[in-house]
């Protein structure tokens, strides 16, 4: 790896992100195929290692999800608990985040 490339990676932050939950005629469902720019940021981290650790904690317990803890509707809480299945760590400079 060239030094300038390594320096650029060191400056990149990371987001822990989950897909949006949408209302449909059938009820609530995760919109896993939503553009990444529409996903919700669950946390911001200085490095990938920290984000990966948070992702491990996040997927192990829905109570680590602030949106889940704040939601009072039982059906919506169910879907918020399930969204952890597709949570991802995404670099803050990922081109798919344009507009975020």
Protein backbone atom coordinates (compact mmCIF):
# COMPACT_ATOMS: atom_id res chain seq x y z
CA UNK A 1 0.00 0.00 0.00
CA UNK A 2 1.34 3.42 -0.89
CA UNK A 3 1.73 5.92 1.94
CA UNK A 4 -0.78 8.51 0.61
CA UNK A 5 -3.39 5.77 0.27
CA UNK A 6 -2.74 4.61 3.85
CA UNK A 7 -3.09 8.18 5.11
CA UNK A 8 -6.40 8.57 3.29
CA UNK A 9 -7.73 5.38 4.89
CA UNK A 10 -6.71 6.65 8.32
CA UNK A 11 -8.81 9.80 7.80
CA UNK A 12 -11.93 7.88 6.78
CA UNK A 13 -14.69 7.64 9.37
CA UNK A 14 -17.24 4.83 9.56
CA UNK A 15 -21.00 4.66 9.99
CA UNK A 16 -22.97 1.79 11.47
CA UNK A 17 -26.06 1.83 9.26
CA UNK A 18 -29.38 0.01 9.00
CA UNK A 19 -32.03 0.00 6.27
CA UNK A 20 -35.16 2.10 6.68
CA UNK A 21 -38.40 0.58 7.94
CA UNK A 22 -41.28 1.48 5.62
CA UNK A 23 -45.05 1.35 5.93
CA UNK A 24 -46.78 -0.75 3.27
CA UNK A 25 -50.35 -1.93 2.78
CA UNK A 26 -49.26 -5.25 4.32
CA UNK A 27 -47.75 -3.51 7.36
CA UNK A 28 -44.24 -2.51 8.32
CA UNK A 29 -41.24 -3.99 6.56
CA UNK A 30 -37.53 -3.36 6.23
CA UNK A 31 -36.57 -1.86 2.90
CA UNK A 32 -33.26 -3.71 2.50
CA UNK A 33 -32.91 -2.67 -1.14
CA UNK A 34 -33.17 1.05 -0.35
CA UNK A 35 -30.28 3.15 -1.66
CA UNK A 36 -27.55 3.37 0.96
CA UNK A 37 -28.08 7.12 1.22
CA UNK A 38 -31.55 6.38 2.68
CA UNK A 39 -30.29 4.02 5.39
CA UNK A 40 -30.27 5.22 9.01
CA UNK A 41 -27.00 5.99 10.77
CA UNK A 42 -26.94 4.19 14.12
CA UNK A 43 -23.45 5.35 15.10
CA UNK A 44 -20.32 7.13 13.86
CA UNK A 45 -16.81 5.81 14.45
CA UNK A 46 -13.22 6.89 13.82
CA UNK A 47 -12.12 3.50 12.49
CA UNK A 48 -13.40 0.27 11.00
CA UNK A 49 -12.32 -1.79 14.01
CA UNK A 50 -14.47 0.34 16.34
CA UNK A 51 -17.39 0.14 13.94
CA UNK A 52 -17.05 -3.64 13.64
CA UNK A 53 -17.07 -3.95 17.44
CA UNK A 54 -20.19 -1.81 17.63
CA UNK A 55 -21.79 -3.88 14.87
CA UNK A 56 -21.15 -7.05 16.88
CA UNK A 57 -22.77 -5.46 19.94
CA UNK A 58 -25.62 -4.06 17.86
CA UNK A 59 -26.59 -7.36 16.24
CA UNK A 60 -26.36 -9.26 19.52
CA UNK A 61 -29.05 -7.20 21.30
CA UNK A 62 -31.77 -4.91 19.88
CA UNK A 63 -31.56 -2.79 23.04
CA UNK A 64 -28.32 -1.41 21.57
CA UNK A 65 -30.52 0.30 18.94
CA UNK A 66 -31.62 3.78 20.08
CA UNK A 67 -34.55 3.73 17.65
CA UNK A 68 -35.71 0.40 19.10
CA UNK A 69 -35.50 1.68 22.68
CA UNK A 70 -37.46 4.85 21.81
CA UNK A 71 -40.23 3.10 19.85
CA UNK A 72 -43.46 2.42 21.78
CA UNK A 73 -45.41 0.56 19.07
CA UNK A 74 -44.89 -3.21 19.54
CA UNK A 75 -45.14 -4.04 15.82
CA UNK A 76 -42.63 -1.36 14.87
CA UNK A 77 -40.28 -2.54 17.64
CA UNK A 78 -40.38 -6.04 16.10
CA UNK A 79 -39.21 -4.70 12.76
CA UNK A 80 -36.58 -2.49 14.33
CA UNK A 81 -35.23 -5.53 16.18
CA UNK A 82 -35.06 -7.44 12.89
CA UNK A 83 -33.24 -4.69 11.00
CA UNK A 84 -30.07 -5.61 12.88
CA UNK A 85 -29.78 -8.59 10.54
CA UNK A 86 -28.69 -6.29 7.71
CA UNK A 87 -26.74 -3.66 9.65
CA UNK A 88 -23.42 -2.74 8.03
CA UNK A 89 -20.30 -0.67 8.64
CA UNK A 90 -19.90 1.80 5.77
CA UNK A 91 -16.99 4.21 5.21
CA UNK A 92 -18.07 7.85 5.44
CA UNK A 93 -16.53 8.51 2.02
CA UNK A 94 -18.43 5.66 0.31
CA UNK A 95 -19.77 7.10 -3.00
CA UNK A 96 -23.16 5.43 -2.38
CA UNK A 97 -23.74 7.94 0.43
CA UNK A 98 -23.90 10.95 -1.89
CA UNK A 99 -26.60 13.27 -0.62
CA UNK A 100 -26.34 12.07 3.00
